[in-house]
Amino acid sequence: MKIKHTLIRLATAVAFVTGIVAGAPAFAAGPGPEINATITGLALRGYDPVAYFTDGKPVIGDFTITAQQDGATYRFASEDHKALFLKDPAKYLPEYGGFCAFGTAKGYKVDGDPTVWKIVDNKLYLNLAPAVAKRWDEDIAGNIKSANSNWTDVKNKAPSELQH
């Protein structure tokens, strides 16, 4: 009996982790190299992409309120935020797939920290760390121009392919 209960708990945990409990396919294709996501496909480290625009700050999303976009999983703090996202995902997705905006401006793909962010012209930009964001802030327009140009070349490459 003890083994049966252990197996049931294990099967429940596996189902939960693979997304069956949430109604997601168990073996969905993950995001491509153009999206900064964890190995499980979680984008923005679980932060709600809509909250930056509605709350003016990063807010951790609820693991039970999710949506898929381009193979990545996004979490939301509320069903209202999820509905806004589903209505117009491009409005809320971070630029450069959530990779560091300054790194992209320099031709690299490095992690973007969801707590180091800025909205410029209604677009969400992340940076690696506060010190990096400070350098990005020195020439935001120029860095965005460089990053936009570089993104077409780097977006489909793995970060390891971009070592200089």
C-alpha atoms as a PDB file:
ATOM      1  CA  MET A   1       0.000   0.000   0.000  1.00  0.00           C
ATOM      2  CA  LYS A   2       2.846   2.383   0.838  1.00  0.00           C
ATOM      3  CA  ILE A   3       4.443   1.758  -2.588  1.00  0.00           C
ATOM      4  CA  LYS A   4       1.119   2.431  -4.326  1.00  0.00           C
ATOM      5  CA  HIS A   5       0.754   5.814  -2.564  1.00  0.00           C
ATOM      6  CA  THR A   6       4.356   6.714  -3.391  1.00  0.00           C
ATOM      7  CA  LEU A   7       3.791   5.854  -7.061  1.00  0.00           C
ATOM      8  CA  ILE A   8       0.605   7.917  -7.146  1.00  0.00           C
ATOM      9  CA  ARG A   9       2.439  10.913  -5.640  1.00  0.00           C
ATOM     10  CA  LEU A  10       5.308  10.466  -8.081  1.00  0.00           C
ATOM     11  CA  ALA A  11       2.934  10.253 -11.071  1.00  0.00           C
ATOM     12  CA  THR A  12       1.117  13.369  -9.849  1.00  0.00           C
ATOM     13  CA  ALA A  13       4.394  15.260  -9.497  1.00  0.00           C
ATOM     14  CA  VAL A  14       5.556  14.205 -12.962  1.00  0.00           C
ATOM     15  CA  ALA A  15       2.204  15.202 -14.469  1.00  0.00           C
ATOM     16  CA  PHE A  16       2.377  18.572 -12.746  1.00  0.00           C
ATOM     17  CA  VAL A  17       5.943  19.290 -13.826  1.00  0.00           C
ATOM     18  CA  THR A  18       5.289  18.336 -17.442  1.00  0.00           C
ATOM     19  CA  GLY A  19       2.224  20.524 -17.570  1.00  0.00           C
ATOM     20  CA  ILE A  20      -0.500  17.905 -17.818  1.00  0.00           C
ATOM     21  CA  VAL A  21      -2.216  19.299 -14.719  1.00  0.00           C
ATOM     22  CA  ALA A  22      -2.282  22.773 -16.275  1.00  0.00           C
ATOM     23  CA  GLY A  23      -3.611  21.403 -19.556  1.00  0.00           C
ATOM     24  CA  ALA A  24      -0.394  21.981 -21.482  1.00  0.00           C
ATOM     25  CA  PRO A  25       1.001  19.257 -23.712  1.00  0.00           C
ATOM     26  CA  ALA A  26       3.480  17.071 -21.875  1.00  0.00           C
ATOM     27  CA  PHE A  27       6.142  17.250 -24.582  1.00  0.00           C
ATOM     28  CA  ALA A  28       5.571  20.608 -26.250  1.00  0.00           C
ATOM     29  CA  ALA A  29       8.365  22.007 -28.338  1.00  0.00           C
ATOM     30  CA  GLY A  30      10.305  24.551 -26.335  1.00  0.00           C
ATOM     31  CA  PRO A  31      11.134  28.074 -27.335  1.00  0.00           C
ATOM     32  CA  GLY A  32      13.759  28.656 -29.993  1.00  0.00           C
ATOM     33  CA  PRO A  33      17.073  30.417 -29.482  1.00  0.00           C
ATOM     34  CA  GLU A  34      15.411  33.801 -29.981  1.00  0.00           C
ATOM     35  CA  ILE A  35      13.693  33.607 -26.569  1.00  0.00           C
ATOM     36  CA  ASN A  36      15.522  33.797 -23.252  1.00  0.00           C
ATOM     37  CA  ALA A  37      13.851  31.019 -21.268  1.00  0.00           C
ATOM     38  CA  THR A  38      14.758  28.404 -18.699  1.00  0.00           C
ATOM     39  CA  ILE A  39      15.309  24.797 -19.687  1.00  0.00           C
ATOM     40  CA  THR A  40      11.626  24.202 -18.883  1.00  0.00           C
ATOM     41  CA  GLY A  41      10.554  26.944 -21.304  1.00  0.00           C
ATOM     42  CA  LEU A  42       9.681  29.520 -18.640  1.00  0.00           C
ATOM     43  CA  ALA A  43      10.218  33.045 -19.945  1.00  0.00           C
ATOM     44  CA  LEU A  44      10.997  36.140 -17.865  1.00  0.00           C
ATOM     45  CA  ARG A  45      11.912  33.840 -14.942  1.00  0.00           C
ATOM     46  CA  GLY A  46       8.206  33.706 -14.163  1.00  0.00           C
ATOM     47  CA  TYR A  47       7.591  37.453 -14.023  1.00  0.00           C
ATOM     48  CA  ASP A  48       4.340  38.773 -15.493  1.00  0.00           C
ATOM     49  CA  PRO A  49       5.090  40.640 -18.758  1.00  0.00           C
ATOM     50  CA  VAL A  50       1.911  42.729 -18.487  1.00  0.00           C
ATOM     51  CA  ALA A  51       2.669  44.009 -14.974  1.00  0.00           C
ATOM     52  CA  TYR A  52       5.565  46.163 -16.204  1.00  0.00           C
ATOM     53  CA  PHE A  53       3.029  48.197 -18.174  1.00  0.00           C
ATOM     54  CA  THR A  54       0.031  48.095 -15.810  1.00  0.00           C
ATOM     55  CA  ASP A  55       1.709  48.078 -12.386  1.00  0.00           C
ATOM     56  CA  GLY A  56       4.916  49.879 -13.342  1.00  0.00           C
ATOM     57  CA  LYS A  57       7.075  47.194 -11.746  1.00  0.00           C
ATOM     58  CA  PRO A  58       8.057  43.548 -12.100  1.00  0.00           C
ATOM     59  CA  VAL A  59       5.559  41.195 -10.478  1.00  0.00           C
ATOM     60  CA  ILE A  60       5.997  37.445 -10.106  1.00  0.00           C
ATOM     61  CA  GLY A  61       3.303  35.579 -12.012  1.00  0.00           C
ATOM     62  CA  ASP A  62       1.102  32.859 -10.586  1.00  0.00           C
ATOM     63  CA  PHE A  63       2.220  29.409 -11.739  1.00  0.00           C
ATOM     64  CA  THR A  64      -1.429  28.469 -12.346  1.00  0.00           C
ATOM     65  CA  ILE A  65      -2.091  31.404 -14.714  1.00  0.00           C
ATOM     66  CA  THR A  66      -0.004  30.849 -17.844  1.00  0.00           C
ATOM     67  CA  ALA A  67      -0.011  31.238 -21.598  1.00  0.00           C
ATOM     68  CA  GLN A  68       2.229  29.917 -24.338  1.00  0.00           C
ATOM     69  CA  GLN A  69       3.816  32.208 -26.916  1.00  0.00           C
ATOM     70  CA  ASP A  70       6.378  31.032 -29.458  1.00  0.00           C
ATOM     71  CA  GLY A  71       7.042  27.895 -27.407  1.00  0.00           C
ATOM     72  CA  ALA A  72       7.722  29.785 -24.173  1.00  0.00           C
ATOM     73  CA  THR A  73       5.548  29.830 -21.066  1.00  0.00           C
ATOM     74  CA  TYR A  74       4.613  33.180 -19.552  1.00  0.00           C
ATOM     75  CA  ARG A  75       3.081  33.545 -16.095  1.00  0.00           C
ATOM     76  CA  PHE A  76       0.624  36.227 -15.042  1.00  0.00           C
ATOM     77  CA  ALA A  77      -0.354  37.778 -11.728  1.00  0.00           C
ATOM     78  CA  SER A  78      -4.051  37.706 -12.696  1.00  0.00           C
ATOM     79  CA  GLU A  79      -6.474  36.401 -15.288  1.00  0.00           C
ATOM     80  CA  ASP A  80      -6.951  40.028 -16.413  1.00  0.00           C
ATOM     81  CA  HIS A  81      -3.255  40.301 -17.224  1.00  0.00           C
ATOM     82  CA  LYS A  82      -3.374  37.013 -19.109  1.00  0.00           C
ATOM     83  CA  ALA A  83      -6.352  38.270 -21.146  1.00  0.00           C
ATOM     84  CA  LEU A  84      -4.499  41.486 -22.023  1.00  0.00           C
ATOM     85  CA  PHE A  85      -1.480  39.471 -23.112  1.00  0.00           C
ATOM     86  CA  LEU A  86      -3.508  37.074 -25.247  1.00  0.00           C
ATOM     87  CA  LYS A  87      -5.221  40.003 -26.946  1.00  0.00           C
ATOM     88  CA  ASP A  88      -1.875  41.516 -28.067  1.00  0.00           C
ATOM     89  CA  PRO A  89       1.238  39.533 -27.027  1.00  0.00           C
ATOM     90  CA  ALA A  90       3.646  41.682 -29.053  1.00  0.00           C
ATOM     91  CA  LYS A  91       2.675  44.695 -26.943  1.00  0.00           C
ATOM     92  CA  TYR A  92       4.000  43.036 -23.771  1.00  0.00           C
ATOM     93  CA  LEU A  93       6.859  40.783 -24.865  1.00  0.00           C
ATOM     94  CA  PRO A  94      10.336  42.047 -23.988  1.00  0.00           C
ATOM     95  CA  GLU A  95      12.521  43.204 -26.827  1.00  0.00           C
ATOM     96  CA  TYR A  96      15.277  40.871 -28.047  1.00  0.00           C
ATOM     97  CA  GLY A  97      13.449  37.865 -26.643  1.00  0.00           C
ATOM     98  CA  GLY A  98      14.208  38.961 -23.087  1.00  0.00           C
ATOM     99  CA  PHE A  99      17.964  38.952 -23.592  1.00  0.00           C
ATOM    100  CA  CYS A 100      20.035  41.869 -22.295  1.00  0.00           C
ATOM    101  CA  ALA A 101      19.429  44.988 -24.402  1.00  0.00           C
ATOM    102  CA  PHE A 102      22.970  46.308 -23.900  1.00  0.00           C
ATOM    103  CA  GLY A 103      24.480  42.926 -24.705  1.00  0.00           C
ATOM    104  CA  THR A 104      22.423  42.791 -27.902  1.00  0.00           C
ATOM    105  CA  ALA A 105      23.626  46.296 -28.790  1.00  0.00           C
ATOM    106  CA  LYS A 106      27.172  44.940 -28.535  1.00  0.00           C
ATOM    107  CA  GLY A 107      26.374  41.820 -30.596  1.00  0.00           C
ATOM    108  CA  TYR A 108      26.048  39.331 -27.737  1.00  0.00           C
ATOM    109  CA  LYS A 109      23.202  37.304 -26.285  1.00  0.00           C
ATOM    110  CA  VAL A 110      23.363  37.363 -22.511  1.00  0.00           C
ATOM    111  CA  ASP A 111      20.739  36.875 -19.858  1.00  0.00           C
ATOM    112  CA  GLY A 112      18.279  39.675 -19.247  1.00  0.00           C
ATOM    113  CA  ASP A 113      17.297  40.115 -15.604  1.00  0.00           C
ATOM    114  CA  PRO A 114      13.536  40.785 -15.306  1.00  0.00           C
ATOM    115  CA  THR A 115      14.200  43.041 -12.304  1.00  0.00           C
ATOM    116  CA  VAL A 116      16.550  45.285 -14.333  1.00  0.00           C
ATOM    117  CA  TRP A 117      14.182  46.807 -16.837  1.00  0.00           C
ATOM    118  CA  LYS A 118      12.996  49.940 -18.567  1.00  0.00           C
ATOM    119  CA  ILE A 119      10.087  50.803 -20.843  1.00  0.00           C
ATOM    120  CA  VAL A 120      11.079  53.038 -23.761  1.00  0.00           C
ATOM    121  CA  ASP A 121       8.493  54.056 -26.371  1.00  0.00           C
ATOM    122  CA  ASN A 122       6.083  51.426 -24.995  1.00  0.00           C
ATOM    123  CA  LYS A 123       8.628  48.607 -25.371  1.00  0.00           C
ATOM    124  CA  LEU A 124      10.086  46.540 -22.544  1.00  0.00           C
ATOM    125  CA  TYR A 125      13.872  46.219 -22.359  1.00  0.00           C
ATOM    126  CA  LEU A 126      15.823  44.064 -19.902  1.00  0.00           C
ATOM    127  CA  ASN A 127      19.474  44.266 -18.963  1.00  0.00           C
ATOM    128  CA  LEU A 128      21.860  41.866 -17.277  1.00  0.00           C
ATOM    129  CA  ALA A 129      22.531  43.866 -14.117  1.00  0.00           C
ATOM    130  CA  PRO A 130      22.187  47.404 -12.727  1.00  0.00           C
ATOM    131  CA  ALA A 131      25.762  48.312 -13.768  1.00  0.00           C
ATOM    132  CA  VAL A 132      25.015  47.181 -17.327  1.00  0.00           C
ATOM    133  CA  ALA A 133      21.740  49.112 -17.360  1.00  0.00           C
ATOM    134  CA  LYS A 134      23.649  52.207 -16.298  1.00  0.00           C
ATOM    135  CA  ARG A 135      25.888  51.871 -19.364  1.00  0.00           C
ATOM    136  CA  TRP A 136      22.814  51.235 -21.574  1.00  0.00           C
ATOM    137  CA  ASP A 137      21.194  54.377 -20.144  1.00  0.00           C
ATOM    138  CA  GLU A 138      24.145  56.512 -21.310  1.00  0.00           C
ATOM    139  CA  ASP A 139      22.874  56.265 -24.906  1.00  0.00           C
ATOM    140  CA  ILE A 140      19.508  54.549 -24.948  1.00  0.00           C
ATOM    141  CA  ALA A 141      18.560  55.633 -28.480  1.00  0.00           C
ATOM    142  CA  GLY A 142      21.955  54.638 -29.909  1.00  0.00           C
ATOM    143  CA  ASN A 143      21.948  51.329 -28.045  1.00  0.00           C
ATOM    144  CA  ILE A 144      18.432  50.506 -29.249  1.00  0.00           C
ATOM    145  CA  LYS A 145      19.465  51.315 -32.821  1.00  0.00           C
ATOM    146  CA  SER A 146      22.534  49.048 -32.538  1.00  0.00           C
ATOM    147  CA  ALA A 147      20.574  46.294 -30.815  1.00  0.00           C
ATOM    148  CA  ASN A 148      17.832  46.381 -33.447  1.00  0.00           C
ATOM    149  CA  SER A 149      20.452  46.056 -36.168  1.00  0.00           C
ATOM    150  CA  ASN A 150      22.344  43.269 -34.358  1.00  0.00           C
ATOM    151  CA  TRP A 151      19.214  41.336 -33.408  1.00  0.00           C
ATOM    152  CA  THR A 152      18.577  40.187 -36.975  1.00  0.00           C
ATOM    153  CA  ASP A 153      22.041  38.578 -36.992  1.00  0.00           C
ATOM    154  CA  VAL A 154      22.056  37.084 -33.486  1.00  0.00           C
ATOM    155  CA  LYS A 155      18.459  36.123 -32.719  1.00  0.00           C
ATOM    156  CA  ASN A 156      18.639  32.608 -34.158  1.00  0.00           C
ATOM    157  CA  LYS A 157      22.088  31.815 -32.769  1.00  0.00           C
ATOM    158  CA  ALA A 158      22.878  30.260 -29.436  1.00  0.00           C
ATOM    159  CA  PRO A 159      24.781  32.569 -27.061  1.00  0.00           C
ATOM    160  CA  SER A 160      27.815  30.272 -27.332  1.00  0.00           C
ATOM    161  CA  GLU A 161      27.955  30.893 -31.103  1.00  0.00           C
ATOM    162  CA  LEU A 162      28.476  34.624 -30.492  1.00  0.00           C
ATOM    163  CA  GLN A 163      31.679  34.548 -28.468  1.00  0.00           C
ATOM    164  CA  HIS A 164      34.108  37.129 -29.783  1.00  0.00           C
END
